[in-house]
Amino acid sequence: MSDKLKEIINKQSNQQSETLDQSDNIVQLVGFIIGEEEYAVPILSIQEIIKPIEWTRVPQTPAYVVGVFNLRGSVIPLIDLRIKFGLTPKKHSDETRFFVLKQGDEVAGFVIDRLTMAIRIKKEDIGPAPDTMVGDESMIDGVGKQEDKILTILKVNKLLERDF
């Protein structure tokens, strides 16, 4: 192999490792609005984002469990995050979406008011949950700081936890 070819290969592998180092420092999230607040979950935990579809109510479940829906043969519980977060229920609009979260064998659909965007945020710009929310019981994983806003990052395992 010529010296020039070795130089090019070394340069490419150095560039690739720099890119990997930079991406290791970035967290990719999907932002969404519930009420007046913006929240986010890791992008890799989202199986799917869909427009609202028909669902079936299930008796004797907490108020925030609005029912179940069929997504390509899988029956998935549907949770309204407005109600779960203590807000008043709201009629669905053109911006309402269902997103399906999956972690391991746990799967659930969640009603959100509005999708915002995919967010890339540096790990160093994510702070811990507020002191009042610290502990395993908290749904808040951390707080992301962006130029003009603060983003509440939710724990996927807590959202998917079945208490019904």
N, C-alpha and C. Protein backbone atom coordinates (compact mmCIF):
# COMPACT_ATOMS: atom_id res chain seq x y z
N MET A 1 0.85 -1.17 0.00
CA MET A 1 0.00 0.00 0.00
C MET A 1 0.90 1.25 0.00
N SER A 2 0.54 2.20 -0.82
CA SER A 2 1.36 3.41 -0.93
C SER A 2 1.20 4.28 0.32
N ASP A 3 2.17 5.14 0.54
CA ASP A 3 2.13 6.04 1.70
C ASP A 3 0.93 6.98 1.62
N LYS A 4 0.61 7.42 0.41
CA LYS A 4 -0.52 8.33 0.22
C LYS A 4 -1.83 7.63 0.63
N LEU A 5 -2.02 6.38 0.21
CA LEU A 5 -3.22 5.62 0.55
C LEU A 5 -3.31 5.40 2.06
N LYS A 6 -2.19 5.05 2.71
CA LYS A 6 -2.17 4.88 4.16
C LYS A 6 -2.58 6.19 4.86
N GLU A 7 -2.08 7.30 4.35
CA GLU A 7 -2.39 8.61 4.92
C GLU A 7 -3.90 8.90 4.83
N ILE A 8 -4.49 8.59 3.68
CA ILE A 8 -5.93 8.82 3.48
C ILE A 8 -6.74 7.93 4.42
N ILE A 9 -6.38 6.66 4.53
CA ILE A 9 -7.09 5.73 5.41
C ILE A 9 -6.99 6.19 6.87
N ASN A 10 -5.80 6.60 7.30
CA ASN A 10 -5.63 7.10 8.67
C ASN A 10 -6.47 8.34 8.92
N LYS A 11 -6.49 9.24 7.94
CA LYS A 11 -7.27 10.47 8.08
C LYS A 11 -8.76 10.15 8.22
N GLN A 12 -9.25 9.21 7.40
CA GLN A 12 -10.67 8.83 7.46
C GLN A 12 -11.01 8.19 8.81
N SER A 13 -10.17 7.30 9.29
CA SER A 13 -10.47 6.64 10.56
C SER A 13 -10.42 7.64 11.72
N ASN A 14 -9.53 8.63 11.65
CA ASN A 14 -9.49 9.68 12.68
C ASN A 14 -10.77 10.51 12.66
N GLN A 15 -11.25 10.84 11.45
CA GLN A 15 -12.49 11.62 11.33
C GLN A 15 -13.67 10.82 11.87
N GLN A 16 -13.71 9.52 11.57
CA GLN A 16 -14.80 8.69 12.07
C GLN A 16 -14.79 8.61 13.58
N SER A 17 -13.63 8.47 14.19
CA SER A 17 -13.58 8.37 15.65
C SER A 17 -13.95 9.71 16.30
N GLU A 18 -13.59 10.84 15.65
CA GLU A 18 -14.00 12.15 16.17
C GLU A 18 -15.52 12.27 16.14
N THR A 19 -16.14 11.82 15.04
CA THR A 19 -17.59 11.88 14.92
C THR A 19 -18.25 11.02 15.99
N LEU A 20 -17.70 9.83 16.25
CA LEU A 20 -18.25 8.97 17.30
C LEU A 20 -18.12 9.61 18.67
N ASP A 21 -16.99 10.25 18.94
CA ASP A 21 -16.81 10.91 20.23
C ASP A 21 -17.84 12.01 20.42
N GLN A 22 -18.09 12.78 19.37
CA GLN A 22 -19.07 13.86 19.46
C GLN A 22 -20.47 13.30 19.67
N SER A 23 -20.82 12.22 18.97
CA SER A 23 -22.17 11.67 19.09
C SER A 23 -22.37 10.99 20.45
N ASP A 24 -21.31 10.53 21.09
CA ASP A 24 -21.43 9.94 22.43
C ASP A 24 -21.84 11.00 23.46
N ASN A 25 -21.56 12.25 23.15
CA ASN A 25 -21.85 13.34 24.06
C ASN A 25 -23.24 13.96 23.82
N ILE A 26 -23.97 13.45 22.84
CA ILE A 26 -25.27 14.00 22.45
C ILE A 26 -26.38 13.03 22.84
N VAL A 27 -27.48 13.57 23.38
CA VAL A 27 -28.66 12.77 23.68
C VAL A 27 -29.74 13.18 22.69
N GLN A 28 -30.36 12.20 22.06
CA GLN A 28 -31.42 12.49 21.09
C GLN A 28 -32.77 12.22 21.73
N LEU A 29 -33.62 13.24 21.69
CA LEU A 29 -34.93 13.18 22.34
C LEU A 29 -36.01 13.58 21.36
N VAL A 30 -37.25 13.26 21.71
CA VAL A 30 -38.41 13.77 20.98
C VAL A 30 -39.20 14.62 21.96
N GLY A 31 -39.45 15.86 21.57
CA GLY A 31 -40.17 16.80 22.43
C GLY A 31 -41.66 16.79 22.14
N PHE A 32 -42.45 17.06 23.18
CA PHE A 32 -43.90 17.14 23.02
C PHE A 32 -44.48 18.04 24.10
N ILE A 33 -45.67 18.54 23.84
CA ILE A 33 -46.34 19.46 24.75
C ILE A 33 -47.51 18.76 25.44
N ILE A 34 -47.60 18.96 26.76
CA ILE A 34 -48.76 18.55 27.55
C ILE A 34 -49.15 19.82 28.31
N GLY A 35 -50.35 20.32 28.05
CA GLY A 35 -50.76 21.58 28.68
C GLY A 35 -49.88 22.70 28.17
N GLU A 36 -49.20 23.36 29.09
CA GLU A 36 -48.31 24.48 28.73
C GLU A 36 -46.83 24.10 28.83
N GLU A 37 -46.54 22.86 29.19
CA GLU A 37 -45.16 22.45 29.43
C GLU A 37 -44.63 21.57 28.30
N GLU A 38 -43.31 21.67 28.08
CA GLU A 38 -42.67 20.80 27.09
C GLU A 38 -41.91 19.70 27.80
N TYR A 39 -42.11 18.48 27.32
CA TYR A 39 -41.46 17.30 27.87
C TYR A 39 -40.70 16.60 26.74
N ALA A 40 -39.90 15.63 27.11
CA ALA A 40 -39.18 14.86 26.11
C ALA A 40 -38.90 13.45 26.63
N VAL A 41 -38.75 12.53 25.69
CA VAL A 41 -38.33 11.16 25.99
C VAL A 41 -37.25 10.79 24.98
N PRO A 42 -36.38 9.85 25.34
CA PRO A 42 -35.34 9.42 24.40
C PRO A 42 -35.96 8.88 23.10
N ILE A 43 -35.39 9.27 22.00
CA ILE A 43 -35.94 8.93 20.69
C ILE A 43 -35.96 7.42 20.47
N LEU A 44 -35.00 6.70 21.04
CA LEU A 44 -34.92 5.26 20.81
C LEU A 44 -36.01 4.48 21.56
N SER A 45 -36.67 5.12 22.52
CA SER A 45 -37.74 4.44 23.25
C SER A 45 -39.08 4.54 22.52
N ILE A 46 -39.15 5.37 21.49
CA ILE A 46 -40.40 5.56 20.76
C ILE A 46 -40.49 4.54 19.64
N GLN A 47 -41.54 3.73 19.69
CA GLN A 47 -41.77 2.74 18.65
C GLN A 47 -42.45 3.40 17.46
N GLU A 48 -43.37 4.33 17.77
CA GLU A 48 -44.18 4.90 16.71
C GLU A 48 -44.91 6.15 17.20
N ILE A 49 -45.17 7.08 16.28
CA ILE A 49 -45.99 8.26 16.56
C ILE A 49 -47.09 8.27 15.50
N ILE A 50 -48.36 8.30 15.96
CA ILE A 50 -49.48 8.22 15.02
C ILE A 50 -50.55 9.26 15.35
N LYS A 51 -51.38 9.55 14.36
CA LYS A 51 -52.55 10.37 14.61
C LYS A 51 -53.53 9.52 15.42
N PRO A 52 -54.39 10.18 16.21
CA PRO A 52 -55.32 9.40 17.04
C PRO A 52 -56.16 8.43 16.21
N ILE A 53 -56.31 7.23 16.75
CA ILE A 53 -57.15 6.21 16.11
C ILE A 53 -58.21 5.78 17.13
N GLU A 54 -59.12 4.96 16.69
CA GLU A 54 -60.21 4.50 17.56
C GLU A 54 -59.65 3.63 18.69
N TRP A 55 -60.21 3.81 19.88
CA TRP A 55 -59.82 2.99 21.01
C TRP A 55 -61.07 2.52 21.74
N THR A 56 -60.88 1.53 22.61
CA THR A 56 -61.99 0.96 23.38
C THR A 56 -61.76 1.23 24.86
N ARG A 57 -62.77 1.74 25.51
CA ARG A 57 -62.67 2.00 26.96
C ARG A 57 -62.58 0.69 27.71
N VAL A 58 -61.88 0.72 28.84
CA VAL A 58 -61.74 -0.45 29.69
C VAL A 58 -62.27 -0.08 31.08
N PRO A 59 -63.24 -0.83 31.59
CA PRO A 59 -63.80 -0.49 32.91
C PRO A 59 -62.81 -0.76 34.04
N GLN A 60 -63.03 -0.09 35.15
CA GLN A 60 -62.28 -0.28 36.39
C GLN A 60 -60.78 -0.07 36.24
N THR A 61 -60.42 0.96 35.49
CA THR A 61 -59.02 1.37 35.39
C THR A 61 -58.94 2.82 35.87
N PRO A 62 -57.76 3.28 36.25
CA PRO A 62 -57.65 4.69 36.65
C PRO A 62 -58.11 5.62 35.51
N ALA A 63 -58.51 6.82 35.88
CA ALA A 63 -59.06 7.78 34.90
C ALA A 63 -58.10 8.08 33.76
N TYR A 64 -56.80 8.06 34.03
CA TYR A 64 -55.83 8.40 32.98
C TYR A 64 -55.66 7.28 31.95
N VAL A 65 -56.11 6.07 32.25
CA VAL A 65 -56.09 4.98 31.27
C VAL A 65 -57.40 5.09 30.48
N VAL A 66 -57.31 5.69 29.30
CA VAL A 66 -58.53 5.95 28.54
C VAL A 66 -59.06 4.70 27.84
N GLY A 67 -58.22 3.69 27.70
CA GLY A 67 -58.66 2.45 27.08
C GLY A 67 -57.51 1.70 26.45
N VAL A 68 -57.85 0.91 25.43
CA VAL A 68 -56.85 0.17 24.67
C VAL A 68 -57.12 0.39 23.18
N PHE A 69 -56.08 0.24 22.38
CA PHE A 69 -56.25 0.33 20.93
C PHE A 69 -55.46 -0.77 20.26
N ASN A 70 -55.86 -1.07 19.04
CA ASN A 70 -55.26 -2.16 18.28
C ASN A 70 -54.29 -1.55 17.28
N LEU A 71 -53.03 -1.89 17.40
CA LEU A 71 -52.01 -1.41 16.47
C LEU A 71 -51.39 -2.62 15.78
N ARG A 72 -51.86 -2.88 14.58
CA ARG A 72 -51.39 -4.01 13.77
C ARG A 72 -51.41 -5.33 14.54
N GLY A 73 -52.53 -5.59 15.20
CA GLY A 73 -52.73 -6.86 15.88
C GLY A 73 -52.30 -6.88 17.34
N SER A 74 -51.64 -5.82 17.82
CA SER A 74 -51.25 -5.74 19.23
C SER A 74 -52.22 -4.83 19.97
N VAL A 75 -52.73 -5.31 21.08
CA VAL A 75 -53.62 -4.50 21.91
C VAL A 75 -52.75 -3.75 22.90
N ILE A 76 -52.83 -2.41 22.84
CA ILE A 76 -51.93 -1.55 23.61
C ILE A 76 -52.75 -0.62 24.51
N PRO A 77 -52.39 -0.52 25.80
CA PRO A 77 -53.11 0.42 26.67
C PRO A 77 -52.83 1.86 26.23
N LEU A 78 -53.82 2.72 26.37
CA LEU A 78 -53.70 4.13 25.98
C LEU A 78 -53.85 5.00 27.23
N ILE A 79 -52.82 5.79 27.50
CA ILE A 79 -52.76 6.62 28.69
C ILE A 79 -52.77 8.09 28.27
N ASP A 80 -53.67 8.86 28.86
CA ASP A 80 -53.74 10.29 28.58
C ASP A 80 -52.82 11.01 29.57
N LEU A 81 -51.73 11.57 29.05
CA LEU A 81 -50.76 12.21 29.94
C LEU A 81 -51.30 13.47 30.59
N ARG A 82 -52.28 14.13 29.97
CA ARG A 82 -52.89 15.31 30.62
C ARG A 82 -53.51 14.89 31.95
N ILE A 83 -54.26 13.81 31.93
CA ILE A 83 -54.94 13.35 33.14
C ILE A 83 -53.91 12.81 34.14
N LYS A 84 -52.95 12.05 33.65
CA LYS A 84 -51.92 11.47 34.53
C LYS A 84 -51.14 12.57 35.25
N PHE A 85 -50.94 13.71 34.57
CA PHE A 85 -50.20 14.82 35.16
C PHE A 85 -51.09 15.78 35.93
N GLY A 86 -52.37 15.42 36.12
CA GLY A 86 -53.26 16.22 36.94
C GLY A 86 -53.91 17.40 36.22
N LEU A 87 -53.88 17.42 34.90
CA LEU A 87 -54.53 18.48 34.12
C LEU A 87 -55.93 18.03 33.72
N THR A 88 -56.76 18.96 33.32
CA THR A 88 -58.11 18.60 32.89
C THR A 88 -58.05 17.96 31.50
N PRO A 89 -58.91 16.98 31.26
CA PRO A 89 -58.93 16.36 29.93
C PRO A 89 -59.28 17.40 28.86
N LYS A 90 -58.84 17.13 27.66
CA LYS A 90 -59.06 18.07 26.55
C LYS A 90 -59.47 17.27 25.32
N LYS A 91 -60.40 17.82 24.57
CA LYS A 91 -60.83 17.17 23.34
C LYS A 91 -59.65 17.15 22.35
N HIS A 92 -59.55 16.07 21.61
CA HIS A 92 -58.46 15.94 20.65
C HIS A 92 -58.57 16.99 19.55
N SER A 93 -57.44 17.49 19.11
CA SER A 93 -57.38 18.47 18.03
C SER A 93 -56.58 17.87 16.87
N ASP A 94 -56.36 18.67 15.85
CA ASP A 94 -55.55 18.21 14.71
C ASP A 94 -54.10 17.96 15.11
N GLU A 95 -53.67 18.57 16.22
CA GLU A 95 -52.28 18.41 16.66
C GLU A 95 -52.09 17.24 17.64
N THR A 96 -53.18 16.70 18.16
CA THR A 96 -53.09 15.58 19.11
C THR A 96 -52.43 14.39 18.43
N ARG A 97 -51.57 13.72 19.16
CA ARG A 97 -50.91 12.52 18.65
C ARG A 97 -50.90 11.44 19.74
N PHE A 98 -50.77 10.20 19.27
CA PHE A 98 -50.49 9.07 20.16
C PHE A 98 -49.04 8.70 19.88
N PHE A 99 -48.27 8.50 20.93
CA PHE A 99 -46.97 7.89 20.67
C PHE A 99 -46.86 6.63 21.48
N VAL A 100 -46.25 5.64 20.85
CA VAL A 100 -46.12 4.31 21.44
C VAL A 100 -44.69 4.17 21.94
N LEU A 101 -44.57 3.98 23.26
CA LEU A 101 -43.27 3.78 23.88
C LEU A 101 -43.05 2.30 24.13
N LYS A 102 -41.80 1.88 23.97
CA LYS A 102 -41.48 0.48 24.21
C LYS A 102 -40.15 0.41 24.93
N GLN A 103 -40.11 -0.41 25.98
CA GLN A 103 -38.87 -0.69 26.69
C GLN A 103 -38.94 -2.14 27.14
N GLY A 104 -38.11 -2.96 26.57
CA GLY A 104 -38.18 -4.39 26.86
C GLY A 104 -39.50 -4.94 26.36
N ASP A 105 -40.24 -5.63 27.25
CA ASP A 105 -41.54 -6.19 26.88
C ASP A 105 -42.69 -5.21 27.14
N GLU A 106 -42.40 -4.10 27.81
CA GLU A 106 -43.44 -3.13 28.16
C GLU A 106 -43.73 -2.20 26.98
N VAL A 107 -45.01 -2.06 26.65
CA VAL A 107 -45.44 -1.19 25.56
C VAL A 107 -46.70 -0.47 26.01
N ALA A 108 -46.80 0.82 25.69
CA ALA A 108 -48.02 1.57 25.98
C ALA A 108 -48.10 2.75 25.02
N GLY A 109 -49.33 3.19 24.78
CA GLY A 109 -49.56 4.38 23.96
C GLY A 109 -49.89 5.55 24.87
N PHE A 110 -49.49 6.73 24.47
CA PHE A 110 -49.72 7.93 25.27
C PHE A 110 -50.32 9.02 24.40
N VAL A 111 -51.33 9.70 24.96
CA VAL A 111 -51.96 10.82 24.26
C VAL A 111 -51.18 12.07 24.64
N ILE A 112 -50.70 12.80 23.63
CA ILE A 112 -50.01 14.07 23.87
C ILE A 112 -50.76 15.18 23.13
N ASP A 113 -50.64 16.39 23.65
CA ASP A 113 -51.34 17.52 23.03
C ASP A 113 -50.74 17.89 21.68
N ARG A 114 -49.40 17.90 21.63
CA ARG A 114 -48.76 18.33 20.40
C ARG A 114 -47.31 17.84 20.39
N LEU A 115 -46.88 17.41 19.24
CA LEU A 115 -45.49 17.02 19.03
C LEU A 115 -44.69 18.28 18.73
N THR A 116 -43.48 18.42 19.26
CA THR A 116 -42.69 19.59 18.92
C THR A 116 -41.64 19.22 17.89
N MET A 117 -40.55 18.57 18.32
CA MET A 117 -39.49 18.25 17.36
C MET A 117 -38.53 17.23 17.93
N ALA A 118 -37.69 16.74 17.04
CA ALA A 118 -36.57 15.90 17.49
C ALA A 118 -35.52 16.86 18.04
N ILE A 119 -34.94 16.50 19.16
CA ILE A 119 -34.02 17.40 19.86
C ILE A 119 -32.70 16.68 20.08
N ARG A 120 -31.63 17.36 19.75
CA ARG A 120 -30.28 16.86 20.06
C ARG A 120 -29.72 17.81 21.12
N ILE A 121 -29.37 17.24 22.25
CA ILE A 121 -28.89 18.08 23.35
C ILE A 121 -27.64 17.44 23.93
N LYS A 122 -26.68 18.27 24.29
CA LYS A 122 -25.44 17.77 24.87
C LYS A 122 -25.72 17.26 26.28
N LYS A 123 -25.04 16.16 26.64
CA LYS A 123 -25.23 15.58 27.98
C LYS A 123 -24.94 16.60 29.08
N GLU A 124 -23.96 17.46 28.84
CA GLU A 124 -23.61 18.45 29.87
C GLU A 124 -24.69 19.52 30.06
N ASP A 125 -25.64 19.62 29.09
CA ASP A 125 -26.75 20.57 29.21
C ASP A 125 -27.98 19.95 29.88
N ILE A 126 -27.82 18.73 30.38
CA ILE A 126 -28.92 18.06 31.08
C ILE A 126 -28.57 18.01 32.56
N GLY A 127 -29.44 18.65 33.35
CA GLY A 127 -29.22 18.67 34.80
C GLY A 127 -30.06 17.61 35.47
N PRO A 128 -29.84 17.41 36.76
CA PRO A 128 -30.64 16.42 37.49
C PRO A 128 -32.07 16.91 37.68
N ALA A 129 -32.93 16.00 38.08
CA ALA A 129 -34.31 16.36 38.41
C ALA A 129 -34.29 17.30 39.60
N PRO A 130 -35.29 18.18 39.73
CA PRO A 130 -35.34 19.07 40.90
C PRO A 130 -35.31 18.28 42.19
N ASP A 131 -34.77 18.88 43.25
CA ASP A 131 -34.63 18.20 44.54
C ASP A 131 -35.94 17.61 45.06
N THR A 132 -37.04 18.27 44.76
CA THR A 132 -38.34 17.77 45.23
C THR A 132 -38.75 16.51 44.50
N MET A 133 -38.11 16.22 43.37
CA MET A 133 -38.50 15.08 42.55
C MET A 133 -37.48 13.95 42.57
N VAL A 134 -36.47 14.03 43.38
CA VAL A 134 -35.41 13.03 43.38
C VAL A 134 -35.93 11.72 43.98
N GLY A 135 -35.47 10.64 43.42
CA GLY A 135 -35.86 9.32 43.94
C GLY A 135 -36.37 8.43 42.83
N ASP A 136 -36.52 7.17 43.17
CA ASP A 136 -36.97 6.19 42.19
C ASP A 136 -38.42 6.40 41.78
N GLU A 137 -39.21 7.07 42.63
CA GLU A 137 -40.63 7.25 42.34
C GLU A 137 -40.89 8.38 41.34
N SER A 138 -39.93 9.26 41.15
CA SER A 138 -40.10 10.40 40.26
C SER A 138 -40.17 9.97 38.80
N MET A 139 -41.01 10.64 38.04
CA MET A 139 -41.09 10.40 36.60
C MET A 139 -40.07 11.22 35.84
N ILE A 140 -39.42 12.17 36.52
CA ILE A 140 -38.49 13.08 35.85
C ILE A 140 -37.08 12.52 35.91
N ASP A 141 -36.49 12.37 34.73
CA ASP A 141 -35.14 11.86 34.61
C ASP A 141 -34.13 12.99 34.71
N GLY A 142 -34.49 14.16 34.20
CA GLY A 142 -33.59 15.29 34.22
C GLY A 142 -34.23 16.50 33.57
N VAL A 143 -33.47 17.59 33.56
CA VAL A 143 -33.95 18.83 32.97
C VAL A 143 -32.93 19.28 31.93
N GLY A 144 -33.39 19.38 30.68
CA GLY A 144 -32.52 19.82 29.60
C GLY A 144 -32.59 21.32 29.44
N LYS A 145 -31.43 21.94 29.32
CA LYS A 145 -31.38 23.39 29.14
C LYS A 145 -31.02 23.71 27.70
N GLN A 146 -31.93 24.42 27.04
CA GLN A 146 -31.67 24.89 25.69
C GLN A 146 -31.57 26.40 25.74
N GLU A 147 -31.23 27.01 24.61
CA GLU A 147 -31.01 28.46 24.58
C GLU A 147 -32.14 29.25 25.23
N ASP A 148 -33.37 28.98 24.82
CA ASP A 148 -34.49 29.81 25.25
C ASP A 148 -35.54 29.07 26.08
N LYS A 149 -35.26 27.82 26.44
CA LYS A 149 -36.28 27.08 27.19
C LYS A 149 -35.67 25.96 28.01
N ILE A 150 -36.51 25.45 28.90
CA ILE A 150 -36.13 24.29 29.73
C ILE A 150 -37.06 23.15 29.36
N LEU A 151 -36.51 21.97 29.28
CA LEU A 151 -37.22 20.79 28.82
C LEU A 151 -37.18 19.73 29.93
N THR A 152 -38.33 19.19 30.29
CA THR A 152 -38.39 18.13 31.31
C THR A 152 -38.27 16.78 30.62
N ILE A 153 -37.23 16.04 30.97
CA ILE A 153 -36.99 14.73 30.35
C ILE A 153 -37.59 13.67 31.27
N LEU A 154 -38.48 12.86 30.72
CA LEU A 154 -39.21 11.87 31.50
C LEU A 154 -38.54 10.50 31.46
N LYS A 155 -38.74 9.72 32.53
CA LYS A 155 -38.22 8.35 32.61
C LYS A 155 -39.20 7.44 31.88
N VAL A 156 -38.73 6.75 30.88
CA VAL A 156 -39.58 5.85 30.11
C VAL A 156 -40.08 4.70 30.98
N ASN A 157 -39.21 4.15 31.82
CA ASN A 157 -39.64 3.02 32.66
C ASN A 157 -40.76 3.43 33.62
N LYS A 158 -40.78 4.67 34.09
CA LYS A 158 -41.85 5.13 34.98
C LYS A 158 -43.15 5.35 34.20
N LEU A 159 -43.03 5.86 32.98
CA LEU A 159 -44.23 6.04 32.16
C LEU A 159 -44.88 4.70 31.85
N LEU A 160 -44.05 3.69 31.61
CA LEU A 160 -44.55 2.37 31.23
C LEU A 160 -44.95 1.51 32.42
N GLU A 161 -44.66 1.97 33.63
CA GLU A 161 -44.96 1.19 34.83
C GLU A 161 -46.46 0.97 34.96
N ARG A 162 -46.86 -0.26 35.14
CA ARG A 162 -48.29 -0.60 35.25
C ARG A 162 -48.74 -0.52 36.68
N ASP A 163 -49.58 0.46 36.97
CA ASP A 163 -50.18 0.55 38.31
C ASP A 163 -51.69 0.48 38.18
N PHE A 164 -52.13 -0.27 37.17
CA PHE A 164 -53.57 -0.46 36.95
C PHE A 164 -53.84 -1.90 36.62
